[in-house]
Amino acid sequence: MPELIEDQPERHEVTTDALIHHGRVWDVATETFDYDGKPITREVIRHPGAVAILALDDDDRMLLIRQYRHAIRTRAWEIPAGLLDEPGEPPLAGAQRELAEEADLAAATWHVLADFQNSPGGSDETIRVYLARGVSSVPAFQRSDEEADIEVRWVPLDDVVDAVLARRVQSPSLVVGALAAVAARARDWATLAPGDEPWLRHPVVGGDPWITR
């Protein structure tokens, strides 16, 4: 039987850890760690992590939102998402909150669709994408700043995948979520996990946190 393809967590002793920048959303630190008997120093972006929601209706349409993203000077199509920045809030509760705040929606059923690490070469940012179905409206949320003029659109899942493959949309949560949803649907959704599945690979909320903050 071929070897299972799976990431392997690995710990190396951190000998020095210095904060370079404390930001509103993330911090930047420099860490020196021992690797095969030699010290290596790397700068690391420490991120609280985030959740994203792929909401799917009964017609296999996927909820997209569009908002301005200043870092890339683009009004980008995305899926609802948000930071895990509420102390003690479980990831699933955070996803439910973000779907209400960004799209004025609730969902009856929740599953884990995909987990991914956005830029592991220099950041510990980890994102969980939930599949939300059985959606219904909730009272409108008062949004501000770039979220004040969010555009909401329901788009057939296959059309979103076409846009991904044509490179017309590039938000990582949207790309990962749409491709994972198509693959999961082809497997009759057998790959889904319960919405409250422990998030062990998250550096803060996981069962074995490996970052001290």
Protein backbone atom coordinates (compact mmCIF):
# COMPACT_ATOMS: atom_id res chain seq x y z
CA MET A 1 0.00 0.00 0.00
CA PRO A 2 1.46 3.42 -0.92
CA GLU A 3 2.43 5.74 1.90
CA LEU A 4 -0.29 8.16 2.98
CA ILE A 5 0.45 11.72 1.83
CA GLU A 6 0.17 13.82 4.96
CA ASP A 7 1.93 16.85 6.45
CA GLN A 8 4.02 15.94 9.49
CA PRO A 9 4.16 18.45 12.39
CA GLU A 10 7.72 18.92 13.60
CA ARG A 11 9.10 20.94 16.51
CA HIS A 12 12.55 22.53 16.78
CA GLU A 13 13.76 24.37 19.85
CA VAL A 14 13.38 28.14 19.55
CA THR A 15 16.37 29.72 21.26
CA THR A 16 15.45 33.39 20.77
CA ASP A 17 12.11 35.03 20.06
CA ALA A 18 11.88 38.81 19.58
CA LEU A 19 8.84 40.86 18.60
CA ILE A 20 9.63 43.23 15.74
CA HIS A 21 6.20 44.74 15.16
CA HIS A 22 2.87 44.56 16.98
CA GLY A 23 0.07 45.30 14.54
CA ARG A 24 -3.69 45.69 14.64
CA VAL A 25 -4.23 42.28 13.03
CA TRP A 26 -0.90 40.44 13.14
CA ASP A 27 2.56 40.64 14.67
CA VAL A 28 5.98 40.15 13.12
CA ALA A 29 8.63 38.35 15.15
CA THR A 30 12.14 37.06 14.56
CA GLU A 31 12.83 33.54 15.76
CA THR A 32 16.11 31.67 15.98
CA PHE A 33 15.75 27.91 16.18
CA ASP A 34 18.05 24.92 16.21
CA TYR A 35 17.95 22.89 12.99
CA ASP A 36 20.27 19.89 12.66
CA GLY A 37 22.63 21.42 15.19
CA LYS A 38 22.77 24.83 13.51
CA PRO A 39 20.97 28.07 14.43
CA ILE A 40 18.64 29.46 11.79
CA THR A 41 16.88 32.83 12.07
CA ARG A 42 13.60 33.58 10.32
CA GLU A 43 11.05 36.39 10.45
CA VAL A 44 7.54 35.09 11.08
CA ILE A 45 4.16 36.77 10.68
CA ARG A 46 1.98 35.67 13.61
CA HIS A 47 -1.66 35.63 12.64
CA PRO A 48 -4.74 34.83 14.76
CA GLY A 49 -6.08 32.62 11.99
CA ALA A 50 -9.37 32.95 10.17
CA VAL A 51 -12.50 31.18 9.10
CA ALA A 52 -14.22 31.34 5.70
CA ILE A 53 -17.68 30.21 4.69
CA LEU A 54 -18.78 28.63 1.43
CA ALA A 55 -22.55 29.00 1.58
CA LEU A 56 -24.40 26.82 -0.91
CA ASP A 57 -28.12 27.06 -1.65
CA ASP A 58 -30.53 24.37 -2.85
CA ASP A 59 -29.77 25.23 -6.49
CA ASP A 60 -26.03 24.58 -6.09
CA ARG A 61 -25.30 28.29 -6.14
CA MET A 62 -22.40 29.62 -4.12
CA LEU A 63 -22.54 32.90 -2.20
CA LEU A 64 -19.91 35.44 -3.30
CA ILE A 65 -19.20 38.85 -1.86
CA ARG A 66 -17.14 41.61 -3.45
CA GLN A 67 -15.29 44.30 -1.55
CA TYR A 68 -12.30 46.60 -1.93
CA ARG A 69 -8.92 45.24 -0.81
CA HIS A 70 -6.41 48.05 -0.51
CA ALA A 71 -3.22 45.95 -0.39
CA ILE A 72 -3.89 44.66 -3.91
CA ARG A 73 -5.82 47.75 -5.15
CA THR A 74 -8.67 45.50 -6.23
CA ARG A 75 -12.38 45.08 -5.64
CA ALA A 76 -12.17 41.32 -5.24
CA TRP A 77 -14.70 38.52 -5.26
CA GLU A 78 -14.42 36.45 -2.10
CA ILE A 79 -16.46 34.30 0.25
CA PRO A 80 -17.48 35.55 3.70
CA ALA A 81 -14.56 35.29 6.09
CA GLY A 82 -13.12 36.80 9.23
CA LEU A 83 -10.43 36.67 11.85
CA LEU A 84 -10.46 34.50 14.94
CA ASP A 85 -10.03 37.60 17.06
CA GLU A 86 -12.77 37.10 19.66
CA PRO A 87 -11.12 35.63 22.80
CA GLY A 88 -12.44 32.17 23.59
CA GLU A 89 -14.77 32.02 20.59
CA PRO A 90 -14.86 28.55 18.98
CA PRO A 91 -14.03 28.58 15.25
CA LEU A 92 -17.52 27.37 14.25
CA ALA A 93 -19.14 30.16 16.26
CA GLY A 94 -16.79 32.61 14.56
CA ALA A 95 -17.86 31.33 11.15
CA GLN A 96 -21.53 31.67 12.06
CA ARG A 97 -20.91 35.21 13.27
CA GLU A 98 -19.04 36.19 10.10
CA LEU A 99 -21.75 34.81 7.80
CA ALA A 100 -24.31 36.96 9.64
CA GLU A 101 -22.10 40.05 9.71
CA GLU A 102 -20.97 39.95 6.08
CA ALA A 103 -23.97 38.46 4.29
CA ASP A 104 -26.95 38.75 6.68
CA LEU A 105 -27.40 34.98 6.61
CA ALA A 106 -27.65 32.00 8.95
CA ALA A 107 -27.27 28.33 8.02
CA ALA A 108 -28.94 25.20 9.35
CA THR A 109 -26.07 22.78 8.65
CA TRP A 110 -22.32 23.28 8.96
CA HIS A 111 -19.41 21.08 7.90
CA VAL A 112 -15.66 21.49 7.64
CA LEU A 113 -14.81 21.61 3.93
CA ALA A 114 -11.08 22.39 3.91
CA ASP A 115 -8.17 23.67 5.99
CA PHE A 116 -5.16 25.45 4.50
CA GLN A 117 -2.10 27.46 5.47
CA ASN A 118 -1.95 30.64 3.45
CA SER A 119 1.79 31.30 3.28
CA PRO A 120 3.73 28.75 5.36
CA GLY A 121 7.12 30.01 4.23
CA GLY A 122 6.76 33.05 6.46
CA SER A 123 3.39 33.09 8.24
CA ASP A 124 1.51 30.81 10.63
CA GLU A 125 -1.85 31.97 9.20
CA THR A 126 -4.21 29.00 9.07
CA ILE A 127 -7.70 29.15 7.57
CA ARG A 128 -10.65 26.79 7.92
CA VAL A 129 -13.30 26.80 5.19
CA TYR A 130 -16.78 25.73 6.27
CA LEU A 131 -19.58 24.51 4.04
CA ALA A 132 -22.86 26.12 5.13
CA ARG A 133 -26.19 24.89 3.79
CA GLY A 134 -29.84 25.47 4.58
CA VAL A 135 -29.33 29.24 4.51
CA SER A 136 -31.86 31.82 5.64
CA SER A 137 -31.89 35.58 6.11
CA VAL A 138 -31.20 37.35 9.40
CA PRO A 139 -31.56 41.06 10.27
CA ALA A 140 -29.16 43.27 8.35
CA PHE A 141 -25.84 44.01 10.05
CA GLN A 142 -24.50 47.56 10.17
CA ARG A 143 -21.24 47.40 8.21
CA SER A 144 -18.54 50.07 8.00
CA ASP A 145 -15.31 50.98 6.18
CA GLU A 146 -14.57 48.69 3.21
CA GLU A 147 -17.42 46.40 4.23
CA ALA A 148 -20.02 49.17 3.98
CA ASP A 149 -20.51 48.65 0.24
CA ILE A 150 -20.11 44.87 0.02
CA GLU A 151 -21.79 43.42 -3.06
CA VAL A 152 -23.49 40.03 -2.64
CA ARG A 153 -24.18 37.60 -5.47
CA TRP A 154 -25.30 33.96 -5.78
CA VAL A 155 -23.36 32.20 -8.56
CA PRO A 156 -23.56 28.57 -9.76
CA LEU A 157 -20.71 26.60 -8.21
CA ASP A 158 -19.50 25.38 -11.61
CA ASP A 159 -19.36 28.98 -12.88
CA VAL A 160 -17.20 29.94 -9.91
CA VAL A 161 -14.83 27.07 -10.70
CA ASP A 162 -14.66 28.27 -14.31
CA ALA A 163 -13.66 31.73 -13.03
CA VAL A 164 -10.99 30.17 -10.79
CA LEU A 165 -9.51 28.10 -13.62
CA ALA A 166 -9.54 31.12 -15.93
CA ARG A 167 -7.68 33.08 -13.21
CA ARG A 168 -10.37 35.76 -13.09
CA VAL A 169 -10.73 35.42 -9.31
CA GLN A 170 -7.79 34.86 -6.97
CA SER A 171 -8.93 35.08 -3.35
CA PRO A 172 -7.34 32.02 -1.70
CA SER A 173 -10.37 31.13 0.42
CA LEU A 174 -12.62 31.32 -2.63
CA VAL A 175 -10.20 29.28 -4.77
CA VAL A 176 -9.64 26.57 -2.15
CA GLY A 177 -13.29 26.49 -1.17
CA ALA A 178 -14.72 26.26 -4.68
CA LEU A 179 -12.30 23.55 -5.83
CA ALA A 180 -12.77 21.59 -2.60
CA ALA A 181 -16.55 21.84 -2.92
CA VAL A 182 -16.54 20.48 -6.48
CA ALA A 183 -14.24 17.64 -5.46
CA ALA A 184 -16.35 16.86 -2.37
CA ARG A 185 -19.57 16.95 -4.39
CA ALA A 186 -18.08 14.44 -6.85
CA ARG A 187 -17.52 12.15 -3.86
CA ASP A 188 -21.10 12.62 -2.68
CA TRP A 189 -19.83 14.91 0.12
CA ALA A 190 -18.16 11.95 1.87
CA THR A 191 -15.05 14.02 2.63
CA LEU A 192 -16.86 16.54 4.85
CA ALA A 193 -16.17 16.64 8.59
CA PRO A 194 -18.52 17.78 11.37
CA GLY A 195 -18.61 21.53 11.83
CA ASP A 196 -17.22 21.25 15.35
CA GLU A 197 -14.29 18.97 14.43
CA PRO A 198 -11.23 19.94 16.54
CA TRP A 199 -8.81 22.15 14.64
CA LEU A 200 -5.61 20.48 15.79
CA ARG A 201 -3.32 22.08 13.22
CA HIS A 202 -4.19 25.63 14.25
CA PRO A 203 -1.26 27.16 16.19
CA VAL A 204 -3.45 28.82 18.81
CA VAL A 205 -6.83 27.09 19.13
CA GLY A 206 -5.50 23.59 18.36
CA GLY A 207 -5.02 20.84 20.90
CA ASP A 208 -1.23 21.33 20.88
CA PRO A 209 -0.60 25.10 20.52
CA TRP A 210 2.95 25.71 19.38
CA ILE A 211 3.10 29.49 19.45
CA THR A 212 3.33 31.45 22.71
CA ARG A 213 1.53 34.79 22.43
